Amino acid sequence: MTDVTHPADHRPLRIGVQLAPQHGSYAAYRDAVLRAEDLGVDVIFNWDHFFPLTSPFEADHFEAWTVLAAIAEQTERVEFGPLVNCSSYRNADLQADMARTVDHISAGPDGTGRLIFGTGSGWAEPDYVEYGYEFGTVGSRLDALADDLVRIRSRWDRLNPPPTRRIPILIGGQGERKTLRLVAQHADIWHTFTKLDDMPRKIGVMHEWCAKEGRDPAEIELSSGYTIRGFGPLTETDAPARLFELGFRLIIPAIDGPDYDLSPLHPLLEWRDRVNSER
């Protein structure tokens, strides 16, 4: 299997931000969302957990989809979504209806919504245990996600009113036997948080699955997060430039509460504008 880069010359570079709904008040979170949109970020994400993922673990935390409905109402331009929805926590048809509703809430004057449906199989066992969900195994959760993705698309086709657009599906993960096959089958965006040195091989595996599924890999946008001040998946200071060279066009630093300091976004947004103006 050959390491590869991803065909992405037809896509602009986009900068997102994952605002973790933890360690701060809702007022601070709402303010961060509005400041991020004013700065010019392209996409705002939260996450789908029930407790803080980093210390202090007893601090404030807010649920994903109710916050997403508020983001839909509060913002005007940015796309937004969960990074990622845990498919185990809600019935698949309910997920579809929630996403469709939030999509409509976010619609602008042209009637087009802005939701990105980011989803995955789940991994945070304390969420499952505390809220009474069956944790199962990695394999069983991925099998359930595969079924859910089919049901969600089917329900979107039957809802009245339907979604305002073909809601983009983002799938998070990098498992080579099951997750990347689901990416090839269903994803508009693939979000990975693997190590930079492993990414060319993972891209190659995803391309192999696309070939088996009859999918053009260029249809799939590549997305990754990276670390700001120790919070996020990649620690390399040159991560954004290296990701761009590999074909990633959606780069998502993560920012934590309580203050939601957005100043690290400024150089990233300047870089985005420079790259896009030169292409």
C-alpha atoms as a PDB file:
ATOM      1  CA  MET A   1       0.000   0.000   0.000  1.00  0.00           C
ATOM      2  CA  THR A   2       1.432   3.367  -1.072  1.00  0.00           C
ATOM      3  CA  ASP A   3       1.452   6.553   0.974  1.00  0.00           C
ATOM      4  CA  VAL A   4      -0.449   9.230  -0.912  1.00  0.00           C
ATOM      5  CA  THR A   5      -1.572  12.823  -0.753  1.00  0.00           C
ATOM      6  CA  HIS A   6      -5.186  13.693  -1.395  1.00  0.00           C
ATOM      7  CA  PRO A   7      -6.486  15.485  -4.516  1.00  0.00           C
ATOM      8  CA  ALA A   8      -7.714  18.831  -3.227  1.00  0.00           C
ATOM      9  CA  ASP A   9      -6.612  21.556  -5.625  1.00  0.00           C
ATOM     10  CA  HIS A  10     -10.281  22.267  -6.410  1.00  0.00           C
ATOM     11  CA  ARG A  11     -11.050  23.149  -2.778  1.00  0.00           C
ATOM     12  CA  PRO A  12     -10.316  26.349  -0.848  1.00  0.00           C
ATOM     13  CA  LEU A  13      -8.518  26.169   2.475  1.00  0.00           C
ATOM     14  CA  ARG A  14     -10.944  26.560   5.355  1.00  0.00           C
ATOM     15  CA  ILE A  15     -10.252  27.267   9.014  1.00  0.00           C
ATOM     16  CA  GLY A  16     -12.680  25.983  11.589  1.00  0.00           C
ATOM     17  CA  VAL A  17     -12.592  26.030  15.360  1.00  0.00           C
ATOM     18  CA  GLN A  18     -13.818  23.515  17.912  1.00  0.00           C
ATOM     19  CA  LEU A  19     -15.126  25.407  20.906  1.00  0.00           C
ATOM     20  CA  ALA A  20     -15.248  22.858  23.703  1.00  0.00           C
ATOM     21  CA  PRO A  21     -18.492  23.315  25.701  1.00  0.00           C
ATOM     22  CA  GLN A  22     -16.682  22.810  28.996  1.00  0.00           C
ATOM     23  CA  HIS A  23     -15.013  24.732  31.812  1.00  0.00           C
ATOM     24  CA  GLY A  24     -17.019  27.922  31.325  1.00  0.00           C
ATOM     25  CA  SER A  25     -20.439  29.502  31.513  1.00  0.00           C
ATOM     26  CA  TYR A  26     -22.921  29.388  28.672  1.00  0.00           C
ATOM     27  CA  ALA A  27     -22.647  33.179  28.404  1.00  0.00           C
ATOM     28  CA  ALA A  28     -18.907  32.815  27.787  1.00  0.00           C
ATOM     29  CA  TYR A  29     -19.546  30.103  25.197  1.00  0.00           C
ATOM     30  CA  ARG A  30     -22.133  32.175  23.354  1.00  0.00           C
ATOM     31  CA  ASP A  31     -19.744  35.122  23.311  1.00  0.00           C
ATOM     32  CA  ALA A  32     -16.980  32.902  21.887  1.00  0.00           C
ATOM     33  CA  VAL A  33     -19.271  31.701  19.095  1.00  0.00           C
ATOM     34  CA  LEU A  34     -20.128  35.256  18.090  1.00  0.00           C
ATOM     35  CA  ARG A  35     -16.494  36.377  18.285  1.00  0.00           C
ATOM     36  CA  ALA A  36     -15.390  33.431  16.147  1.00  0.00           C
ATOM     37  CA  GLU A  37     -17.915  34.295  13.463  1.00  0.00           C
ATOM     38  CA  ASP A  38     -16.853  37.943  13.543  1.00  0.00           C
ATOM     39  CA  LEU A  39     -13.208  36.903  13.136  1.00  0.00           C
ATOM     40  CA  GLY A  40     -14.066  35.104   9.916  1.00  0.00           C
ATOM     41  CA  VAL A  41     -13.733  31.413  10.764  1.00  0.00           C
ATOM     42  CA  ASP A  42     -15.455  29.140   8.267  1.00  0.00           C
ATOM     43  CA  VAL A  43     -16.912  26.489  10.587  1.00  0.00           C
ATOM     44  CA  ILE A  44     -17.643  26.325  14.323  1.00  0.00           C
ATOM     45  CA  PHE A  45     -17.811  22.916  15.995  1.00  0.00           C
ATOM     46  CA  ASN A  46     -18.639  21.718  19.480  1.00  0.00           C
ATOM     47  CA  TRP A  47     -18.525  18.093  20.681  1.00  0.00           C
ATOM     48  CA  ASP A  48     -20.996  15.502  21.904  1.00  0.00           C
ATOM     49  CA  HIS A  49     -20.096  14.515  25.450  1.00  0.00           C
ATOM     50  CA  PHE A  50     -21.780  14.832  28.836  1.00  0.00           C
ATOM     51  CA  PHE A  51     -18.779  15.680  31.012  1.00  0.00           C
ATOM     52  CA  PRO A  52     -15.515  17.602  30.578  1.00  0.00           C
ATOM     53  CA  LEU A  53     -12.826  15.621  28.782  1.00  0.00           C
ATOM     54  CA  THR A  54      -9.957  17.423  30.498  1.00  0.00           C
ATOM     55  CA  SER A  55      -9.332  18.555  34.059  1.00  0.00           C
ATOM     56  CA  PRO A  56     -11.129  19.861  36.054  1.00  0.00           C
ATOM     57  CA  PHE A  57     -13.581  17.047  35.357  1.00  0.00           C
ATOM     58  CA  GLU A  58     -16.227  18.395  37.736  1.00  0.00           C
ATOM     59  CA  ALA A  59     -16.455  21.747  35.925  1.00  0.00           C
ATOM     60  CA  ASP A  60     -19.318  23.121  33.846  1.00  0.00           C
ATOM     61  CA  HIS A  61     -20.323  21.282  30.684  1.00  0.00           C
ATOM     62  CA  PHE A  62     -23.186  21.632  28.184  1.00  0.00           C
ATOM     63  CA  GLU A  63     -24.995  19.166  25.888  1.00  0.00           C
ATOM     64  CA  ALA A  64     -24.213  19.261  22.184  1.00  0.00           C
ATOM     65  CA  TRP A  65     -27.465  19.466  20.237  1.00  0.00           C
ATOM     66  CA  THR A  66     -29.224  22.038  22.389  1.00  0.00           C
ATOM     67  CA  VAL A  67     -26.126  24.218  22.025  1.00  0.00           C
ATOM     68  CA  LEU A  68     -26.112  23.620  18.254  1.00  0.00           C
ATOM     69  CA  ALA A  69     -29.700  24.860  18.010  1.00  0.00           C
ATOM     70  CA  ALA A  70     -28.621  28.034  19.792  1.00  0.00           C
ATOM     71  CA  ILE A  71     -25.614  28.459  17.466  1.00  0.00           C
ATOM     72  CA  ALA A  72     -27.969  28.088  14.507  1.00  0.00           C
ATOM     73  CA  GLU A  73     -30.105  30.958  15.773  1.00  0.00           C
ATOM     74  CA  GLN A  74     -27.264  33.199  16.930  1.00  0.00           C
ATOM     75  CA  THR A  75     -25.040  33.106  13.833  1.00  0.00           C
ATOM     76  CA  GLU A  76     -25.593  34.298  10.290  1.00  0.00           C
ATOM     77  CA  ARG A  77     -22.741  33.078   8.097  1.00  0.00           C
ATOM     78  CA  VAL A  78     -20.651  30.231   9.493  1.00  0.00           C
ATOM     79  CA  GLU A  79     -21.285  26.566   8.979  1.00  0.00           C
ATOM     80  CA  PHE A  80     -21.368  24.638  12.242  1.00  0.00           C
ATOM     81  CA  GLY A  81     -21.886  21.191  13.676  1.00  0.00           C
ATOM     82  CA  PRO A  82     -20.840  18.549  16.191  1.00  0.00           C
ATOM     83  CA  LEU A  83     -17.296  17.190  16.081  1.00  0.00           C
ATOM     84  CA  VAL A  84     -18.652  14.664  16.447  1.00  0.00           C
ATOM     85  CA  ASN A  85     -22.162  13.492  17.272  1.00  0.00           C
ATOM     86  CA  CYS A  86     -22.102  10.133  19.079  1.00  0.00           C
ATOM     87  CA  SER A  87     -24.466   7.888  17.193  1.00  0.00           C
ATOM     88  CA  SER A  88     -24.954   5.666  20.254  1.00  0.00           C
ATOM     89  CA  TYR A  89     -26.710   8.351  22.286  1.00  0.00           C
ATOM     90  CA  ARG A  90     -29.828   8.872  20.156  1.00  0.00           C
ATOM     91  CA  ASN A  91     -32.087   6.874  17.868  1.00  0.00           C
ATOM     92  CA  ALA A  92     -30.952   7.281  14.247  1.00  0.00           C
ATOM     93  CA  ASP A  93     -34.291   8.644  13.035  1.00  0.00           C
ATOM     94  CA  LEU A  94     -34.316  11.138  15.899  1.00  0.00           C
ATOM     95  CA  GLN A  95     -30.779  12.211  14.956  1.00  0.00           C
ATOM     96  CA  ALA A  96     -31.982  12.849  11.414  1.00  0.00           C
ATOM     97  CA  ASP A  97     -34.950  14.896  12.620  1.00  0.00           C
ATOM     98  CA  MET A  98     -32.839  16.919  15.047  1.00  0.00           C
ATOM     99  CA  ALA A  99     -30.280  17.661  12.344  1.00  0.00           C
ATOM    100  CA  ARG A 100     -33.003  18.619   9.846  1.00  0.00           C
ATOM    101  CA  THR A 101     -34.588  20.972  12.390  1.00  0.00           C
ATOM    102  CA  VAL A 102     -31.296  22.643  13.305  1.00  0.00           C
ATOM    103  CA  ASP A 103     -30.540  22.956   9.592  1.00  0.00           C
ATOM    104  CA  HIS A 104     -33.801  24.904   9.122  1.00  0.00           C
ATOM    105  CA  ILE A 105     -33.150  27.075  12.182  1.00  0.00           C
ATOM    106  CA  SER A 106     -29.836  28.142  10.635  1.00  0.00           C
ATOM    107  CA  ALA A 107     -31.256  28.994   7.202  1.00  0.00           C
ATOM    108  CA  GLY A 108     -30.565  32.484   5.915  1.00  0.00           C
ATOM    109  CA  PRO A 109     -32.571  34.695   3.566  1.00  0.00           C
ATOM    110  CA  ASP A 110     -31.899  32.298   0.685  1.00  0.00           C
ATOM    111  CA  GLY A 111     -33.429  29.430   2.657  1.00  0.00           C
ATOM    112  CA  THR A 112     -30.215  27.388   2.846  1.00  0.00           C
ATOM    113  CA  GLY A 113     -29.091  25.921   6.170  1.00  0.00           C
ATOM    114  CA  ARG A 114     -25.529  25.722   7.455  1.00  0.00           C
ATOM    115  CA  LEU A 115     -25.340  22.508   9.509  1.00  0.00           C
ATOM    116  CA  ILE A 116     -22.561  19.963   8.990  1.00  0.00           C
ATOM    117  CA  PHE A 117     -23.605  16.601  10.427  1.00  0.00           C
ATOM    118  CA  GLY A 118     -20.431  15.350  12.065  1.00  0.00           C
ATOM    119  CA  THR A 119     -20.818  11.873  13.483  1.00  0.00           C
ATOM    120  CA  GLY A 120     -18.921   8.895  14.844  1.00  0.00           C
ATOM    121  CA  SER A 121     -19.312   5.672  16.768  1.00  0.00           C
ATOM    122  CA  GLY A 122     -18.460   6.981  20.241  1.00  0.00           C
ATOM    123  CA  TRP A 123     -15.632   6.162  22.626  1.00  0.00           C
ATOM    124  CA  ALA A 124     -16.026   7.953  26.001  1.00  0.00           C
ATOM    125  CA  GLU A 125     -17.081   5.124  28.308  1.00  0.00           C
ATOM    126  CA  PRO A 126     -17.971   7.388  31.285  1.00  0.00           C
ATOM    127  CA  ASP A 127     -20.686   9.028  29.150  1.00  0.00           C
ATOM    128  CA  TYR A 128     -22.210   5.633  28.388  1.00  0.00           C
ATOM    129  CA  VAL A 129     -22.018   4.369  31.948  1.00  0.00           C
ATOM    130  CA  GLU A 130     -23.416   7.495  33.611  1.00  0.00           C
ATOM    131  CA  TYR A 131     -26.290   7.910  31.146  1.00  0.00           C
ATOM    132  CA  GLY A 132     -27.173   4.224  30.905  1.00  0.00           C
ATOM    133  CA  TYR A 133     -26.141   3.452  27.325  1.00  0.00           C
ATOM    134  CA  GLU A 134     -24.691   0.090  26.350  1.00  0.00           C
ATOM    135  CA  PHE A 135     -20.973   0.593  25.662  1.00  0.00           C
ATOM    136  CA  GLY A 136     -20.451  -2.604  23.691  1.00  0.00           C
ATOM    137  CA  THR A 137     -17.222  -2.963  21.723  1.00  0.00           C
ATOM    138  CA  VAL A 138     -15.460  -0.850  19.121  1.00  0.00           C
ATOM    139  CA  GLY A 139     -16.739  -3.244  16.468  1.00  0.00           C
ATOM    140  CA  SER A 140     -20.343  -3.256  17.668  1.00  0.00           C
ATOM    141  CA  ARG A 141     -20.429   0.544  17.883  1.00  0.00           C
ATOM    142  CA  LEU A 142     -19.071   0.858  14.335  1.00  0.00           C
ATOM    143  CA  ASP A 143     -21.605  -1.675  13.054  1.00  0.00           C
ATOM    144  CA  ALA A 144     -24.351   0.382  14.682  1.00  0.00           C
ATOM    145  CA  LEU A 145     -22.976   3.558  13.098  1.00  0.00           C
ATOM    146  CA  ALA A 146     -23.065   1.891   9.678  1.00  0.00           C
ATOM    147  CA  ASP A 147     -26.746   1.066  10.148  1.00  0.00           C
ATOM    148  CA  ASP A 148     -27.491   4.536  11.502  1.00  0.00           C
ATOM    149  CA  LEU A 149     -25.953   6.328   8.536  1.00  0.00           C
ATOM    150  CA  VAL A 150     -28.285   4.493   6.159  1.00  0.00           C
ATOM    151  CA  ARG A 151     -31.297   5.228   8.350  1.00  0.00           C
ATOM    152  CA  ILE A 152     -30.402   8.906   8.689  1.00  0.00           C
ATOM    153  CA  ARG A 153     -30.162   9.451   4.924  1.00  0.00           C
ATOM    154  CA  SER A 154     -33.418   7.553   4.459  1.00  0.00           C
ATOM    155  CA  ARG A 155     -35.222   9.627   7.091  1.00  0.00           C
ATOM    156  CA  TRP A 156     -33.967  12.885   5.581  1.00  0.00           C
ATOM    157  CA  ASP A 157     -35.628  11.830   2.320  1.00  0.00           C
ATOM    158  CA  ARG A 158     -38.972  11.348   4.095  1.00  0.00           C
ATOM    159  CA  LEU A 159     -39.147  14.290   6.510  1.00  0.00           C
ATOM    160  CA  ASN A 160     -41.585  17.116   5.870  1.00  0.00           C
ATOM    161  CA  PRO A 161     -40.183  19.608   5.322  1.00  0.00           C
ATOM    162  CA  PRO A 162     -36.965  18.000   4.120  1.00  0.00           C
ATOM    163  CA  PRO A 163     -33.548  19.498   4.968  1.00  0.00           C
ATOM    164  CA  THR A 164     -32.845  22.774   3.205  1.00  0.00           C
ATOM    165  CA  ARG A 165     -29.901  21.182   1.378  1.00  0.00           C
ATOM    166  CA  ARG A 166     -28.057  17.909   1.150  1.00  0.00           C
ATOM    167  CA  ILE A 167     -26.626  18.116   4.658  1.00  0.00           C
ATOM    168  CA  PRO A 168     -22.887  17.354   4.511  1.00  0.00           C
ATOM    169  CA  ILE A 169     -21.889  14.304   6.526  1.00  0.00           C
ATOM    170  CA  LEU A 170     -18.557  14.400   8.341  1.00  0.00           C
ATOM    171  CA  ILE A 171     -17.298  11.101   9.733  1.00  0.00           C
ATOM    172  CA  GLY A 172     -14.638  11.166  12.435  1.00  0.00           C
ATOM    173  CA  GLY A 173     -12.118   8.396  12.964  1.00  0.00           C
ATOM    174  CA  GLN A 174      -9.315   6.501  11.287  1.00  0.00           C
ATOM    175  CA  GLY A 175      -9.897   2.776  11.765  1.00  0.00           C
ATOM    176  CA  GLU A 176      -8.789   1.062   8.565  1.00  0.00           C
ATOM    177  CA  ARG A 177     -11.159  -1.926   8.415  1.00  0.00           C
ATOM    178  CA  LYS A 178     -14.492  -0.280   9.216  1.00  0.00           C
ATOM    179  CA  THR A 179     -14.319   3.490   9.724  1.00  0.00           C
ATOM    180  CA  LEU A 180     -12.547   4.325   6.476  1.00  0.00           C
ATOM    181  CA  ARG A 181     -14.934   2.086   4.584  1.00  0.00           C
ATOM    182  CA  LEU A 182     -17.815   4.121   6.039  1.00  0.00           C
ATOM    183  CA  VAL A 183     -16.000   7.286   4.961  1.00  0.00           C
ATOM    184  CA  ALA A 184     -15.800   5.960   1.400  1.00  0.00           C
ATOM    185  CA  GLN A 185     -19.476   5.000   1.460  1.00  0.00           C
ATOM    186  CA  HIS A 186     -21.069   8.001   3.163  1.00  0.00           C
ATOM    187  CA  ALA A 187     -18.791  10.932   3.987  1.00  0.00           C
ATOM    188  CA  ASP A 188     -18.583  14.347   2.409  1.00  0.00           C
ATOM    189  CA  ILE A 189     -15.841  15.173   4.926  1.00  0.00           C
ATOM    190  CA  TRP A 190     -13.404  12.833   6.667  1.00  0.00           C
ATOM    191  CA  HIS A 191     -12.058  14.103   9.998  1.00  0.00           C
ATOM    192  CA  THR A 192      -8.989  12.351  11.373  1.00  0.00           C
ATOM    193  CA  PHE A 193      -6.887  12.946  14.459  1.00  0.00           C
ATOM    194  CA  THR A 194      -4.142  10.449  13.806  1.00  0.00           C
ATOM    195  CA  LYS A 195      -0.437  11.321  14.016  1.00  0.00           C
ATOM    196  CA  LEU A 196       0.923  13.403  11.155  1.00  0.00           C
ATOM    197  CA  ASP A 197       3.464  10.755  10.161  1.00  0.00           C
ATOM    198  CA  ASP A 198       0.649   8.185   9.825  1.00  0.00           C
ATOM    199  CA  MET A 199      -1.625  10.339   7.717  1.00  0.00           C
ATOM    200  CA  PRO A 200      -0.233   9.523   4.239  1.00  0.00           C
ATOM    201  CA  ARG A 201      -0.830   5.820   4.885  1.00  0.00           C
ATOM    202  CA  LYS A 202      -4.324   6.453   6.247  1.00  0.00           C
ATOM    203  CA  ILE A 203      -5.148   8.548   3.180  1.00  0.00           C
ATOM    204  CA  GLY A 204      -3.957   5.667   1.028  1.00  0.00           C
ATOM    205  CA  VAL A 205      -6.253   3.236   2.837  1.00  0.00           C
ATOM    206  CA  MET A 206      -9.183   5.610   2.406  1.00  0.00           C
ATOM    207  CA  HIS A 207      -8.419   5.832  -1.334  1.00  0.00           C
ATOM    208  CA  GLU A 208      -8.366   2.040  -1.551  1.00  0.00           C
ATOM    209  CA  TRP A 209     -11.801   1.864   0.049  1.00  0.00           C
ATOM    210  CA  CYS A 210     -13.067   4.513  -2.367  1.00  0.00           C
ATOM    211  CA  ALA A 211     -11.862   2.372  -5.286  1.00  0.00           C
ATOM    212  CA  LYS A 212     -13.666  -0.670  -3.883  1.00  0.00           C
ATOM    213  CA  GLU A 213     -16.860   1.343  -3.302  1.00  0.00           C
ATOM    214  CA  GLY A 214     -16.772   3.077  -6.687  1.00  0.00           C
ATOM    215  CA  ARG A 215     -16.236   6.520  -5.137  1.00  0.00           C
ATOM    216  CA  ASP A 216     -14.006   9.310  -6.395  1.00  0.00           C
ATOM    217  CA  PRO A 217     -11.868  10.255  -3.360  1.00  0.00           C
ATOM    218  CA  ALA A 218     -11.721  13.852  -4.605  1.00  0.00           C
ATOM    219  CA  GLU A 219     -15.390  14.131  -3.557  1.00  0.00           C
ATOM    220  CA  ILE A 220     -14.311  13.858   0.098  1.00  0.00           C
ATOM    221  CA  GLU A 221     -12.882  16.857   1.936  1.00  0.00           C
ATOM    222  CA  LEU A 222     -10.097  16.073   4.430  1.00  0.00           C
ATOM    223  CA  SER A 223     -10.278  17.611   7.887  1.00  0.00           C
ATOM    224  CA  SER A 224      -8.055  17.511  10.953  1.00  0.00           C
ATOM    225  CA  GLY A 225      -7.616  19.260  14.251  1.00  0.00           C
ATOM    226  CA  TYR A 226      -4.429  20.323  15.954  1.00  0.00           C
ATOM    227  CA  THR A 227      -3.199  21.589  19.298  1.00  0.00           C
ATOM    228  CA  ILE A 228      -3.404  25.099  20.651  1.00  0.00           C
ATOM    229  CA  ARG A 229      -1.773  25.502  24.074  1.00  0.00           C
ATOM    230  CA  GLY A 230      -1.802  21.801  24.778  1.00  0.00           C
ATOM    231  CA  PHE A 231      -5.477  21.314  23.923  1.00  0.00           C
ATOM    232  CA  GLY A 232      -6.081  19.277  20.774  1.00  0.00           C
ATOM    233  CA  PRO A 233      -4.766  16.217  18.901  1.00  0.00           C
ATOM    234  CA  LEU A 234      -1.581  17.333  17.097  1.00  0.00           C
ATOM    235  CA  THR A 235       1.336  19.033  18.805  1.00  0.00           C
ATOM    236  CA  GLU A 236       3.625  19.859  15.868  1.00  0.00           C
ATOM    237  CA  THR A 237       3.944  23.623  15.366  1.00  0.00           C
ATOM    238  CA  ASP A 238       4.060  23.157  11.592  1.00  0.00           C
ATOM    239  CA  ALA A 239       0.971  20.931  11.590  1.00  0.00           C
ATOM    240  CA  PRO A 240      -1.294  23.263   9.544  1.00  0.00           C
ATOM    241  CA  ALA A 241       1.194  23.627   6.673  1.00  0.00           C
ATOM    242  CA  ARG A 242       1.963  19.900   6.649  1.00  0.00           C
ATOM    243  CA  LEU A 243      -1.733  19.065   6.656  1.00  0.00           C
ATOM    244  CA  PHE A 244      -2.283  21.392   3.708  1.00  0.00           C
ATOM    245  CA  GLU A 245       0.497  19.689   1.751  1.00  0.00           C
ATOM    246  CA  LEU A 246      -1.213  16.314   2.308  1.00  0.00           C
ATOM    247  CA  GLY A 247      -4.496  17.614   0.899  1.00  0.00           C
ATOM    248  CA  PHE A 248      -6.334  18.677   4.048  1.00  0.00           C
ATOM    249  CA  ARG A 249      -8.534  21.689   3.398  1.00  0.00           C
ATOM    250  CA  LEU A 250     -10.412  21.998   6.705  1.00  0.00           C
ATOM    251  CA  ILE A 251      -8.150  22.598   9.688  1.00  0.00           C
ATOM    252  CA  ILE A 252      -9.734  22.852  13.118  1.00  0.00           C
ATOM    253  CA  PRO A 253      -7.853  23.984  16.223  1.00  0.00           C
ATOM    254  CA  ALA A 254      -9.585  23.294  19.523  1.00  0.00           C
ATOM    255  CA  ILE A 255     -10.095  26.047  22.106  1.00  0.00           C
ATOM    256  CA  ASP A 256     -11.177  25.483  25.684  1.00  0.00           C
ATOM    257  CA  GLY A 257     -13.060  27.531  28.264  1.00  0.00           C
ATOM    258  CA  PRO A 258     -13.439  29.372  30.510  1.00  0.00           C
ATOM    259  CA  ASP A 259     -12.008  32.334  28.587  1.00  0.00           C
ATOM    260  CA  TYR A 260     -12.069  31.001  25.008  1.00  0.00           C
ATOM    261  CA  ASP A 261      -9.026  32.969  23.920  1.00  0.00           C
ATOM    262  CA  LEU A 262      -9.351  33.190  20.128  1.00  0.00           C
ATOM    263  CA  SER A 263      -6.105  35.074  19.498  1.00  0.00           C
ATOM    264  CA  PRO A 264      -4.333  31.947  18.085  1.00  0.00           C
ATOM    265  CA  LEU A 265      -6.858  31.975  15.243  1.00  0.00           C
ATOM    266  CA  HIS A 266      -5.567  35.281  13.836  1.00  0.00           C
ATOM    267  CA  PRO A 267      -2.419  33.915  12.126  1.00  0.00           C
ATOM    268  CA  LEU A 268      -4.335  30.894  10.842  1.00  0.00           C
ATOM    269  CA  LEU A 269      -6.970  33.092   9.223  1.00  0.00           C
ATOM    270  CA  GLU A 270      -4.291  35.308   7.683  1.00  0.00           C
ATOM    271  CA  TRP A 271      -2.568  32.192   6.329  1.00  0.00           C
ATOM    272  CA  ARG A 272      -5.878  30.935   4.911  1.00  0.00           C
ATOM    273  CA  ASP A 273      -6.507  34.210   3.117  1.00  0.00           C
ATOM    274  CA  ARG A 274      -2.991  34.301   1.723  1.00  0.00           C
ATOM    275  CA  VAL A 275      -3.108  30.695   0.490  1.00  0.00           C
ATOM    276  CA  ASN A 276      -6.510  31.116  -1.130  1.00  0.00           C
ATOM    277  CA  SER A 277      -5.544  34.379  -2.826  1.00  0.00           C
ATOM    278  CA  GLU A 278      -2.486  32.727  -4.379  1.00  0.00           C
ATOM    279  CA  ARG A 279      -4.361  29.757  -5.853  1.00  0.00           C
END
